[in-house]
Amino acid sequence: MVTTQDVRQVAMSLPRTTEHLIRDRIKFRVGRIVYVSLSRDETLMGFAFPKEERAALVASDPDRFLMPIPSDERYNWVRVRLSTLGTVELAEIVTDAWRMVVPKRVAAAHCGD
């Protein structure tokens, strides 16, 4: 099981990321765009994910992935239970979410694309 510290370690290793505490929730963002957010109890992690693909992701493993709360449905967003993730999968999810919000050249320079 991954922890908040694991999420922090991955997110803060990505260029342009800043950490913020907003309404008792830890959020990681690039500029003003949030790409990862932890629930207040730190059991769920919301992350940037294409809207058109999220229903398929949730349907593929509903015990792990959840749709966003109703107020977040208009965003490219989905949630995952942290207890179901390993460190490798966490790194992939956070990095993919980050790639959605940074300029392509920044992602390419960091990821070697």
Protein backbone atom coordinates (compact mmCIF):
# COMPACT_ATOMS: atom_id res chain seq x y z
CA MET A 1 0.00 0.00 0.00
CA VAL A 2 1.28 3.44 -0.88
CA THR A 3 1.19 6.41 1.48
CA THR A 4 0.81 10.14 1.20
CA GLN A 5 4.57 10.41 1.44
CA ASP A 6 4.92 8.12 -1.59
CA VAL A 7 2.54 10.34 -3.56
CA ARG A 8 4.46 13.43 -2.47
CA GLN A 9 7.80 11.91 -3.44
CA VAL A 10 6.64 11.09 -6.97
CA ALA A 11 4.77 14.36 -7.56
CA MET A 12 7.50 16.62 -6.21
CA SER A 13 10.06 14.93 -8.48
CA LEU A 14 8.17 16.24 -11.52
CA PRO A 15 9.14 19.65 -12.96
CA ARG A 16 6.97 22.67 -12.16
CA THR A 17 5.00 20.83 -9.44
CA THR A 18 3.99 22.64 -6.27
CA GLU A 19 2.21 21.25 -3.23
CA HIS A 20 -0.72 23.03 -1.61
CA LEU A 21 -3.04 22.42 1.32
CA ILE A 22 -6.51 23.53 0.26
CA ARG A 23 -9.51 22.92 2.52
CA ASP A 24 -7.58 20.23 4.43
CA ARG A 25 -6.68 18.40 1.21
CA ILE A 26 -3.20 17.95 -0.18
CA LYS A 27 -3.06 18.93 -3.84
CA PHE A 28 -0.27 18.89 -6.37
CA ARG A 29 -0.45 21.26 -9.26
CA VAL A 30 1.39 22.89 -12.12
CA GLY A 31 0.60 26.57 -12.14
CA ARG A 32 -3.08 26.74 -11.21
CA ILE A 33 -3.99 23.31 -12.59
CA VAL A 34 -4.37 20.50 -10.06
CA TYR A 35 -3.32 17.11 -11.38
CA VAL A 36 -3.34 15.04 -8.16
CA SER A 37 -5.37 15.50 -4.99
CA LEU A 38 -5.73 13.42 -1.85
CA SER A 39 -8.96 13.01 0.09
CA ARG A 40 -9.11 14.47 3.61
CA ASP A 41 -8.59 11.02 5.13
CA GLU A 42 -5.84 10.29 2.57
CA THR A 43 -7.41 7.01 1.43
CA LEU A 44 -8.37 8.20 -2.07
CA MET A 45 -6.35 9.98 -4.71
CA GLY A 46 -7.98 11.95 -7.49
CA PHE A 47 -5.92 12.43 -10.62
CA ALA A 48 -6.09 13.95 -14.08
CA PHE A 49 -7.43 11.42 -16.56
CA PRO A 50 -9.19 11.81 -19.92
CA LYS A 51 -12.97 12.14 -19.47
CA GLU A 52 -13.71 9.99 -22.49
CA GLU A 53 -11.72 7.06 -21.04
CA ARG A 54 -12.67 7.17 -17.35
CA ALA A 55 -15.89 5.11 -17.55
CA ALA A 56 -13.92 2.26 -19.12
CA LEU A 57 -11.21 2.54 -16.45
CA VAL A 58 -13.75 2.43 -13.61
CA ALA A 59 -15.64 -0.44 -15.25
CA SER A 60 -12.40 -2.40 -15.66
CA ASP A 61 -11.76 -2.44 -11.90
CA PRO A 62 -14.55 -0.83 -9.83
CA ASP A 63 -12.98 -1.97 -6.55
CA ARG A 64 -9.98 0.25 -7.26
CA PHE A 65 -11.16 3.13 -9.43
CA LEU A 66 -14.10 5.47 -8.81
CA MET A 67 -15.79 8.16 -10.83
CA PRO A 68 -15.19 11.70 -9.62
CA ILE A 69 -17.59 13.29 -7.18
CA PRO A 70 -20.50 14.97 -9.03
CA SER A 71 -19.00 18.47 -8.79
CA ASP A 72 -15.80 17.23 -10.49
CA GLU A 73 -17.46 15.30 -13.34
CA ARG A 74 -16.92 18.17 -15.76
CA TYR A 75 -13.15 17.83 -15.35
CA ASN A 76 -10.66 15.29 -16.69
CA TRP A 77 -10.64 13.48 -13.36
CA VAL A 78 -11.00 10.03 -11.76
CA ARG A 79 -10.22 8.59 -8.31
CA VAL A 80 -8.35 5.54 -7.03
CA ARG A 81 -8.12 3.82 -3.65
CA LEU A 82 -4.52 4.25 -2.44
CA SER A 83 -4.66 0.90 -0.64
CA THR A 84 -4.86 -0.86 -4.02
CA LEU A 85 -1.74 0.70 -5.54
CA GLY A 86 1.88 -0.35 -5.56
CA THR A 87 4.71 2.14 -5.91
CA VAL A 88 5.34 1.42 -9.60
CA GLU A 89 1.69 1.90 -10.56
CA LEU A 90 1.49 5.04 -8.41
CA ALA A 91 4.46 6.53 -10.26
CA GLU A 92 2.83 5.74 -13.62
CA ILE A 93 -0.52 7.27 -12.64
CA VAL A 94 0.97 10.44 -11.15
CA THR A 95 3.36 10.92 -14.07
CA ASP A 96 0.61 10.41 -16.65
CA ALA A 97 -1.61 12.91 -14.79
CA TRP A 98 1.26 15.42 -14.72
CA ARG A 99 1.84 14.95 -18.46
CA MET A 100 -1.76 16.07 -19.06
CA VAL A 101 -1.10 19.51 -17.55
CA VAL A 102 2.44 20.47 -18.58
CA PRO A 103 3.56 21.67 -22.00
CA LYS A 104 4.54 18.78 -24.26
CA ARG A 105 8.11 20.01 -24.47
CA VAL A 106 8.45 19.89 -20.65
CA ALA A 107 7.10 16.34 -20.52
CA ALA A 108 9.34 15.29 -23.40
CA ALA A 109 12.42 16.77 -21.74
CA HIS A 110 11.65 15.06 -18.43
CA CYS A 111 10.52 11.70 -19.78
CA GLY A 112 12.98 11.50 -22.66
CA ASP A 113 10.31 11.38 -25.37
